[in-house]
Amino acid sequence: MKLTARAIPLAAVAVLATGCSAVNPITTQQAYDASDGVSIEIGEVTGLNLLVITEAEGAPAVLTGSLRNAGDEDATVAASVDGASIVTVEIPAGQTVRLGGEEGETHVTGTSTAAPGLLQEVILQTQDQGQIVESVPVLDGTLPEYAPELDNL
């Protein structure tokens, strides 16, 4: 097979283009928070898309998102929105528990210490890993996907 003058530059471009992924990380293979919330790791348990929904600072609030247990044993996580109201969440091994204010979700509620648009500290604690305090976004019911969370507070 004989290469033409046009085929050689095309082959060089193909080789160079495929080499870009060798030196640059592939973004879709990196874990990231694709929504409004944040992730928190505490041992084998990961809080996914965690955020607080409230109408105002000092008003009732609910923690939304999920807790995923990647471990081989059941996990118990104590969670608090305000540091005073503590809710114990049981997460079976290999399972995910949905947090929120709607029916069928685990309700982690308290009083908001931050206004919507700011960050609020949320506490997660396990017996093995101790306590983790992380700042999570605070939103209100302006966005339609979060409005139902406020209905059950």
Protein backbone atom coordinates (compact mmCIF):
# COMPACT_ATOMS: atom_id res chain seq x y z
CA MET A 1 0.00 0.00 0.00
CA LYS A 2 1.38 3.33 -1.05
CA LEU A 3 0.73 6.44 1.09
CA THR A 4 -0.17 9.59 -0.74
CA ALA A 5 1.04 13.02 0.26
CA ARG A 6 -2.43 13.76 1.68
CA ALA A 7 -2.67 10.55 3.76
CA ILE A 8 0.56 11.22 5.70
CA PRO A 9 -0.65 14.48 7.35
CA LEU A 10 -4.01 12.86 8.16
CA ALA A 11 -2.26 9.93 9.81
CA ALA A 12 -0.04 12.29 11.81
CA VAL A 13 -3.10 14.27 13.02
CA ALA A 14 -4.80 11.02 14.09
CA VAL A 15 -1.75 9.92 16.08
CA LEU A 16 -1.37 13.32 17.74
CA ALA A 17 -5.07 13.57 18.60
CA THR A 18 -5.11 10.18 20.30
CA GLY A 19 -2.02 11.16 22.26
CA CYS A 20 -3.89 14.04 23.97
CA SER A 21 -5.79 11.67 26.24
CA ALA A 22 -2.53 10.06 27.30
CA VAL A 23 -1.31 13.25 28.97
CA ASN A 24 -4.63 14.84 29.97
CA PRO A 25 -7.00 13.22 32.49
CA ILE A 26 -10.34 12.08 31.12
CA THR A 27 -12.88 14.28 32.89
CA THR A 28 -15.75 11.81 32.70
CA GLN A 29 -13.72 9.30 34.73
CA GLN A 30 -13.32 11.71 37.67
CA ALA A 31 -15.88 11.78 40.48
CA TYR A 32 -17.61 15.14 40.88
CA ASP A 33 -20.83 16.58 42.25
CA ALA A 34 -23.06 17.03 39.24
CA SER A 35 -25.85 18.86 41.06
CA ASP A 36 -26.28 21.59 43.66
CA GLY A 37 -25.11 19.56 46.67
CA VAL A 38 -21.75 18.31 47.89
CA SER A 39 -20.29 14.90 48.74
CA ILE A 40 -18.93 13.93 52.15
CA GLU A 41 -16.99 10.73 52.87
CA ILE A 42 -16.97 9.15 56.31
CA GLY A 43 -15.34 5.74 56.15
CA GLU A 44 -17.34 3.38 53.92
CA VAL A 45 -20.30 5.80 53.86
CA THR A 46 -20.54 8.63 51.35
CA GLY A 47 -23.02 11.48 51.53
CA LEU A 48 -24.06 12.33 47.97
CA ASN A 49 -25.54 15.60 46.72
CA LEU A 50 -26.06 16.86 50.27
CA LEU A 51 -27.71 20.24 50.74
CA VAL A 52 -30.01 21.94 53.23
CA ILE A 53 -33.46 23.19 52.22
CA THR A 54 -35.05 25.98 54.30
CA GLU A 55 -37.06 29.15 53.87
CA ALA A 56 -34.83 31.39 56.01
CA GLU A 57 -32.18 31.44 58.70
CA GLY A 58 -33.76 30.22 61.95
CA ALA A 59 -36.55 28.39 60.10
CA PRO A 60 -37.10 24.61 59.99
CA ALA A 61 -34.63 22.89 57.63
CA VAL A 62 -34.18 19.47 56.05
CA LEU A 63 -31.03 17.76 54.80
CA THR A 64 -31.51 16.27 51.34
CA GLY A 65 -29.35 13.92 49.30
CA SER A 66 -28.34 10.31 49.87
CA LEU A 67 -26.11 8.23 52.12
CA ARG A 68 -24.42 5.30 50.35
CA ASN A 69 -22.79 2.45 52.25
CA ALA A 70 -20.05 0.87 50.11
CA GLY A 71 -19.00 -1.44 52.94
CA ASP A 72 -19.72 -5.12 53.57
CA GLU A 73 -21.39 -4.41 56.92
CA ASP A 74 -24.42 -2.31 57.87
CA ALA A 75 -23.57 1.23 58.96
CA THR A 76 -25.16 3.63 61.42
CA VAL A 77 -24.67 7.35 60.82
CA ALA A 78 -25.74 10.12 63.18
CA ALA A 79 -26.64 13.19 61.14
CA SER A 80 -27.47 16.72 62.24
CA VAL A 81 -28.41 19.89 60.41
CA ASP A 82 -28.09 22.21 63.40
CA GLY A 83 -25.84 20.36 65.85
CA ALA A 84 -28.74 19.89 68.27
CA SER A 85 -31.28 17.70 66.46
CA ILE A 86 -29.53 14.38 65.78
CA VAL A 87 -31.08 11.69 63.60
CA THR A 88 -29.70 8.15 63.43
CA VAL A 89 -29.72 6.68 59.93
CA GLU A 90 -29.33 2.92 59.38
CA ILE A 91 -27.72 2.09 56.02
CA PRO A 92 -27.59 -1.59 55.00
CA ALA A 93 -24.35 -2.86 53.45
CA GLY A 94 -24.13 -1.99 49.76
CA GLN A 95 -27.29 0.14 49.89
CA THR A 96 -28.26 3.79 49.57
CA VAL A 97 -30.68 5.67 51.82
CA ARG A 98 -32.41 8.75 50.42
CA LEU A 99 -32.60 11.81 52.71
CA GLY A 100 -35.27 14.48 52.43
CA GLY A 101 -38.65 15.70 53.52
CA GLU A 102 -40.81 13.64 51.20
CA GLU A 103 -42.62 10.38 51.97
CA GLY A 104 -40.34 7.34 51.95
CA GLU A 105 -37.22 9.40 52.63
CA THR A 106 -35.31 9.59 55.91
CA HIS A 107 -36.00 12.94 57.55
CA VAL A 108 -32.93 14.72 58.96
CA THR A 109 -34.40 17.99 60.16
CA GLY A 110 -33.49 20.83 62.46
CA THR A 111 -33.32 24.60 62.49
CA SER A 112 -31.36 26.37 59.80
CA THR A 113 -28.32 28.29 60.99
CA ALA A 114 -27.81 29.94 57.59
CA ALA A 115 -29.99 31.75 55.07
CA PRO A 116 -30.58 30.34 51.57
CA GLY A 117 -27.62 31.10 49.33
CA LEU A 118 -25.09 30.58 52.12
CA LEU A 119 -23.36 27.51 53.56
CA GLN A 120 -24.40 25.62 56.67
CA GLU A 121 -22.40 23.14 58.70
CA VAL A 122 -23.77 19.60 58.68
CA ILE A 123 -22.50 16.93 61.05
CA LEU A 124 -22.11 13.25 60.15
CA GLN A 125 -20.79 10.78 62.69
CA THR A 126 -20.09 7.05 62.87
CA GLN A 127 -18.75 5.03 65.77
CA ASP A 128 -15.70 3.90 63.76
CA GLN A 129 -14.82 7.14 61.98
CA GLY A 130 -15.83 9.77 64.51
CA GLN A 131 -17.40 13.07 63.55
CA ILE A 132 -17.09 15.08 60.35
CA VAL A 133 -18.38 18.65 60.04
CA GLU A 134 -18.77 19.96 56.49
CA SER A 135 -20.31 23.05 54.96
CA VAL A 136 -23.12 22.36 52.52
CA PRO A 137 -25.16 24.74 50.35
CA VAL A 138 -28.47 26.09 51.67
CA LEU A 139 -31.30 26.48 49.16
CA ASP A 140 -34.94 27.44 49.41
CA GLY A 141 -38.00 26.16 47.55
CA THR A 142 -37.60 28.58 44.64
CA LEU A 143 -36.46 25.79 42.32
CA PRO A 144 -39.38 23.41 41.63
CA GLU A 145 -37.32 20.29 42.44
CA TYR A 146 -36.79 21.52 46.01
CA ALA A 147 -40.23 22.97 46.75
CA PRO A 148 -41.79 19.63 47.89
CA GLU A 149 -39.07 19.26 50.56
CA LEU A 150 -40.47 22.29 52.42
CA ASP A 151 -44.06 21.01 52.38
CA ASN A 152 -43.42 18.41 55.12
CA LEU A 153 -41.42 20.59 57.54
